[in-house]
N, C-alpha and C. Protein backbone atom coordinates (compact mmCIF):
# COMPACT_ATOMS: atom_id res chain seq x y z
N MET A 1 -293.13 57.88 -66.21
CA MET A 1 -294.10 57.59 -67.24
C MET A 1 -293.50 57.67 -68.65
N GLN A 2 -293.86 56.74 -69.50
CA GLN A 2 -293.34 56.74 -70.83
C GLN A 2 -294.10 57.76 -71.78
N SER A 3 -293.36 58.29 -72.67
CA SER A 3 -294.04 59.21 -73.64
C SER A 3 -294.77 58.26 -74.68
N GLU A 4 -295.79 58.89 -75.26
CA GLU A 4 -296.61 58.11 -76.22
C GLU A 4 -295.75 57.59 -77.44
N PRO A 5 -294.90 58.44 -78.00
CA PRO A 5 -294.05 57.95 -79.07
C PRO A 5 -293.17 56.71 -78.69
N TYR A 6 -292.63 56.76 -77.46
CA TYR A 6 -291.86 55.65 -76.93
C TYR A 6 -292.65 54.41 -76.84
N ARG A 7 -293.84 54.52 -76.31
CA ARG A 7 -294.75 53.32 -76.15
C ARG A 7 -295.13 52.75 -77.47
N GLU A 8 -295.40 53.67 -78.44
CA GLU A 8 -295.80 53.23 -79.79
C GLU A 8 -294.61 52.52 -80.44
N THR A 9 -293.41 52.94 -80.21
CA THR A 9 -292.19 52.26 -80.69
C THR A 9 -292.06 50.87 -80.10
N LEU A 10 -292.29 50.76 -78.83
CA LEU A 10 -292.25 49.47 -78.16
C LEU A 10 -293.36 48.51 -78.79
N GLU A 11 -294.51 49.05 -78.99
CA GLU A 11 -295.59 48.27 -79.67
C GLU A 11 -295.18 47.78 -81.05
N ASP A 12 -294.52 48.65 -81.78
CA ASP A 12 -293.99 48.32 -83.12
C ASP A 12 -292.95 47.16 -83.00
N ALA A 13 -292.13 47.33 -82.00
CA ALA A 13 -291.10 46.29 -81.79
C ALA A 13 -291.67 44.90 -81.47
N LEU A 14 -292.78 44.94 -80.70
CA LEU A 14 -293.48 43.71 -80.40
C LEU A 14 -294.07 43.04 -81.67
N LYS A 15 -294.63 43.92 -82.53
CA LYS A 15 -295.20 43.42 -83.76
C LYS A 15 -294.01 42.81 -84.61
N ASN A 16 -292.89 43.44 -84.63
CA ASN A 16 -291.73 42.91 -85.39
C ASN A 16 -291.32 41.51 -84.86
N LEU A 17 -291.33 41.43 -83.56
CA LEU A 17 -290.97 40.12 -82.94
C LEU A 17 -291.83 39.00 -83.31
N VAL A 18 -293.17 39.31 -83.39
CA VAL A 18 -294.15 38.32 -83.86
C VAL A 18 -293.91 37.96 -85.31
N GLU A 19 -293.60 38.94 -86.14
CA GLU A 19 -293.34 38.70 -87.55
C GLU A 19 -292.07 37.89 -87.74
N VAL A 20 -291.07 38.20 -87.01
CA VAL A 20 -289.81 37.47 -87.08
C VAL A 20 -289.97 36.02 -86.68
N ASN A 21 -290.70 35.83 -85.64
CA ASN A 21 -290.94 34.45 -85.11
C ASN A 21 -291.74 33.62 -86.18
N SER A 22 -292.67 34.23 -86.82
CA SER A 22 -293.44 33.63 -87.87
C SER A 22 -292.57 33.14 -89.04
N LYS A 23 -291.68 34.02 -89.46
CA LYS A 23 -290.72 33.70 -90.53
C LYS A 23 -289.71 32.61 -90.16
N ILE A 24 -289.28 32.64 -88.86
CA ILE A 24 -288.38 31.58 -88.38
C ILE A 24 -289.15 30.27 -88.35
N TYR A 25 -290.39 30.23 -87.88
CA TYR A 25 -291.18 29.06 -87.83
C TYR A 25 -291.38 28.43 -89.26
N ASP A 26 -291.65 29.36 -90.23
CA ASP A 26 -291.75 28.90 -91.57
C ASP A 26 -290.53 28.22 -92.11
N SER A 27 -289.37 28.81 -91.72
CA SER A 27 -288.11 28.19 -92.09
C SER A 27 -287.87 26.84 -91.47
N ILE A 28 -288.30 26.77 -90.12
CA ILE A 28 -288.15 25.46 -89.50
C ILE A 28 -288.94 24.39 -90.20
N ILE A 29 -290.11 24.70 -90.64
CA ILE A 29 -290.97 23.76 -91.37
C ILE A 29 -290.30 23.33 -92.67
N GLN A 30 -289.76 24.31 -93.43
CA GLN A 30 -289.10 24.05 -94.69
C GLN A 30 -287.82 23.10 -94.52
N ILE A 31 -287.05 23.47 -93.47
CA ILE A 31 -285.91 22.73 -93.20
C ILE A 31 -286.29 21.25 -92.84
N ALA A 32 -287.27 21.14 -91.99
CA ALA A 32 -287.69 19.75 -91.61
C ALA A 32 -288.26 19.00 -92.78
N MET A 33 -289.01 19.64 -93.64
CA MET A 33 -289.59 18.98 -94.78
C MET A 33 -288.59 18.47 -95.82
N THR A 34 -287.43 19.17 -95.86
CA THR A 34 -286.38 18.82 -96.85
C THR A 34 -285.31 17.96 -96.10
N GLY A 35 -285.47 17.86 -94.86
CA GLY A 35 -284.41 17.08 -94.03
C GLY A 35 -285.00 15.95 -93.28
N GLU A 36 -285.15 16.13 -92.01
CA GLU A 36 -285.60 15.08 -91.11
C GLU A 36 -286.93 14.47 -91.46
N LEU A 37 -287.88 15.31 -91.92
CA LEU A 37 -289.19 14.83 -92.32
C LEU A 37 -289.40 14.70 -93.76
N ASN A 38 -288.36 14.58 -94.53
CA ASN A 38 -288.43 14.45 -95.96
C ASN A 38 -289.17 13.26 -96.45
N GLU A 39 -288.92 12.09 -95.92
CA GLU A 39 -289.55 10.89 -96.28
C GLU A 39 -291.12 10.97 -96.10
N TRP A 40 -291.46 11.52 -94.93
CA TRP A 40 -292.90 11.72 -94.64
C TRP A 40 -293.51 12.69 -95.59
N SER A 41 -292.76 13.85 -95.87
CA SER A 41 -293.21 14.89 -96.68
C SER A 41 -293.50 14.35 -98.13
N ARG A 42 -292.65 13.53 -98.62
CA ARG A 42 -292.85 12.97 -99.95
C ARG A 42 -294.00 12.02 -100.05
N SER A 43 -294.41 11.42 -98.92
CA SER A 43 -295.47 10.48 -98.94
C SER A 43 -296.91 11.21 -98.83
N VAL A 44 -296.88 12.38 -98.45
CA VAL A 44 -298.19 13.14 -98.25
C VAL A 44 -298.71 13.53 -99.68
N PRO A 45 -300.00 13.23 -99.91
CA PRO A 45 -300.59 13.61 -101.23
C PRO A 45 -300.62 15.09 -101.40
N ILE A 46 -300.32 15.53 -102.64
CA ILE A 46 -300.38 16.96 -102.96
C ILE A 46 -301.83 17.50 -102.64
N GLY A 47 -301.79 18.67 -102.03
CA GLY A 47 -303.02 19.30 -101.62
C GLY A 47 -303.53 18.93 -100.18
N GLU A 48 -302.96 17.91 -99.62
CA GLU A 48 -303.31 17.53 -98.24
C GLU A 48 -302.78 18.53 -97.27
N VAL A 49 -303.59 18.96 -96.30
CA VAL A 49 -303.15 19.98 -95.42
C VAL A 49 -302.83 19.40 -94.02
N HIS A 50 -301.76 19.79 -93.38
CA HIS A 50 -301.43 19.33 -92.06
C HIS A 50 -301.02 20.52 -91.21
N ASN A 51 -301.41 20.45 -89.96
CA ASN A 51 -300.94 21.50 -88.98
C ASN A 51 -299.83 20.90 -88.13
N PHE A 52 -298.81 21.63 -87.88
CA PHE A 52 -297.69 21.17 -87.15
C PHE A 52 -297.65 21.88 -85.74
N ASP A 53 -297.38 21.02 -84.77
CA ASP A 53 -297.30 21.56 -83.37
C ASP A 53 -295.86 21.88 -83.17
N PHE A 54 -295.58 22.96 -82.52
CA PHE A 54 -294.16 23.36 -82.24
C PHE A 54 -293.41 22.32 -81.45
N GLU A 55 -294.19 21.44 -80.66
CA GLU A 55 -293.50 20.40 -79.89
C GLU A 55 -292.82 19.38 -80.84
N LEU A 56 -293.39 19.20 -81.97
CA LEU A 56 -292.74 18.26 -83.01
C LEU A 56 -291.38 18.68 -83.30
N PHE A 57 -291.18 19.98 -83.54
CA PHE A 57 -289.89 20.53 -83.91
C PHE A 57 -288.92 20.52 -82.79
N LYS A 58 -289.48 20.73 -81.54
CA LYS A 58 -288.64 20.58 -80.38
C LYS A 58 -287.98 19.27 -80.19
N SER A 59 -288.64 18.25 -80.74
CA SER A 59 -288.18 16.89 -80.59
C SER A 59 -287.33 16.43 -81.75
N CYS A 60 -287.09 17.26 -82.80
CA CYS A 60 -286.30 16.95 -83.94
C CYS A 60 -284.82 16.84 -83.56
N SER A 61 -284.10 15.96 -84.13
CA SER A 61 -282.68 15.81 -83.83
C SER A 61 -281.79 16.73 -84.67
N ASP A 62 -282.31 17.38 -85.66
CA ASP A 62 -281.51 18.27 -86.50
C ASP A 62 -281.01 19.44 -85.69
N THR A 63 -279.70 19.66 -85.70
CA THR A 63 -279.13 20.78 -84.96
C THR A 63 -279.58 22.11 -85.43
N ASN A 64 -279.74 22.26 -86.70
CA ASN A 64 -280.19 23.59 -87.23
C ASN A 64 -281.59 23.93 -86.75
N ILE A 65 -282.50 22.90 -86.77
CA ILE A 65 -283.79 23.09 -86.30
C ILE A 65 -283.84 23.51 -84.85
N GLN A 66 -282.94 22.77 -84.05
CA GLN A 66 -282.88 23.04 -82.56
C GLN A 66 -282.39 24.44 -82.32
N LEU A 67 -281.46 25.00 -83.13
CA LEU A 67 -280.99 26.33 -82.95
C LEU A 67 -282.10 27.31 -83.21
N LEU A 68 -282.91 27.04 -84.25
CA LEU A 68 -284.04 27.97 -84.54
C LEU A 68 -285.19 27.82 -83.47
N VAL A 69 -285.39 26.65 -82.97
CA VAL A 69 -286.37 26.42 -81.89
C VAL A 69 -285.98 27.29 -80.69
N THR A 70 -284.69 27.23 -80.35
CA THR A 70 -284.15 28.01 -79.23
C THR A 70 -284.36 29.50 -79.45
N LEU A 71 -284.07 29.91 -80.66
CA LEU A 71 -284.23 31.27 -81.07
C LEU A 71 -285.67 31.76 -80.85
N ILE A 72 -286.64 30.91 -81.37
CA ILE A 72 -288.09 31.26 -81.23
C ILE A 72 -288.46 31.36 -79.76
N GLU A 73 -287.93 30.45 -78.98
CA GLU A 73 -288.28 30.50 -77.51
C GLU A 73 -287.70 31.79 -76.89
N LYS A 74 -286.51 32.21 -77.25
CA LYS A 74 -285.88 33.38 -76.68
C LYS A 74 -286.66 34.60 -77.15
N ILE A 75 -287.08 34.67 -78.42
CA ILE A 75 -287.86 35.81 -78.88
C ILE A 75 -289.23 35.88 -78.14
N ASP A 76 -289.87 34.66 -77.91
CA ASP A 76 -291.08 34.63 -77.15
C ASP A 76 -290.88 35.19 -75.75
N GLU A 77 -289.79 34.80 -75.08
CA GLU A 77 -289.48 35.29 -73.75
C GLU A 77 -289.27 36.76 -73.77
N THR A 78 -288.57 37.27 -74.71
CA THR A 78 -288.35 38.74 -74.86
C THR A 78 -289.62 39.49 -75.08
N TYR A 79 -290.48 38.94 -75.97
CA TYR A 79 -291.79 39.53 -76.24
C TYR A 79 -292.59 39.66 -74.91
N ARG A 80 -292.71 38.57 -74.19
CA ARG A 80 -293.49 38.54 -72.93
C ARG A 80 -292.95 39.54 -71.91
N THR A 81 -291.58 39.57 -71.84
CA THR A 81 -290.93 40.48 -70.83
C THR A 81 -291.22 41.90 -71.21
N ILE A 82 -291.02 42.29 -72.47
CA ILE A 82 -291.29 43.69 -72.87
C ILE A 82 -292.71 44.05 -72.56
N LYS A 83 -293.68 43.16 -72.92
CA LYS A 83 -295.09 43.43 -72.58
C LYS A 83 -295.34 43.66 -71.13
N ASN A 84 -294.75 42.75 -70.27
CA ASN A 84 -294.99 42.80 -68.86
C ASN A 84 -294.40 43.99 -68.24
N VAL A 85 -293.14 44.30 -68.59
CA VAL A 85 -292.44 45.41 -67.95
C VAL A 85 -293.08 46.78 -68.30
N ASN A 86 -293.68 46.85 -69.43
CA ASN A 86 -294.27 48.06 -69.95
C ASN A 86 -295.85 48.08 -69.86
N ALA A 87 -296.43 47.01 -69.25
CA ALA A 87 -297.84 46.89 -69.17
C ALA A 87 -298.54 47.15 -70.54
N ILE A 88 -298.10 46.48 -71.52
CA ILE A 88 -298.66 46.58 -72.89
C ILE A 88 -299.63 45.46 -73.07
N GLU A 89 -300.80 45.80 -73.52
CA GLU A 89 -301.81 44.77 -73.77
C GLU A 89 -301.96 44.70 -75.34
N THR A 90 -301.84 43.50 -75.90
CA THR A 90 -301.92 43.47 -77.37
C THR A 90 -303.46 43.27 -77.75
N LYS A 91 -303.71 43.52 -79.04
CA LYS A 91 -305.07 43.40 -79.49
C LYS A 91 -305.62 42.03 -79.27
N GLU A 92 -304.82 40.98 -79.43
CA GLU A 92 -305.30 39.57 -79.31
C GLU A 92 -305.83 39.44 -77.91
N GLU A 93 -305.12 39.98 -76.84
CA GLU A 93 -305.59 39.81 -75.49
C GLU A 93 -306.84 40.65 -75.15
N GLY A 94 -306.96 41.84 -75.77
CA GLY A 94 -308.11 42.69 -75.57
C GLY A 94 -309.36 42.33 -76.27
N GLU A 95 -309.21 41.43 -77.23
CA GLU A 95 -310.41 41.00 -78.02
C GLU A 95 -311.03 39.78 -77.38
N GLU A 96 -312.35 39.64 -77.58
CA GLU A 96 -313.02 38.46 -77.07
C GLU A 96 -313.34 37.51 -78.22
């Protein structure tokens, strides 16, 4: 059985993984908007809001975007594995 401090540290590590993935995703968007999606980005009126699906970036041809996509997927896999191995339930799962 795990000690409470150890489990809390694992939970903190999971929160860090979520935060890192969010920052990497933001970087992917910025790279795409100044690179492969630059022409589209310049055509969008200022103030217009768009939601991007991760699948869009998985289909980009930019090598740097693909490296970051792979990293996000690996972090997601690590997150799920740590949760499963340690039977950790996150707040998102416990809330209705």
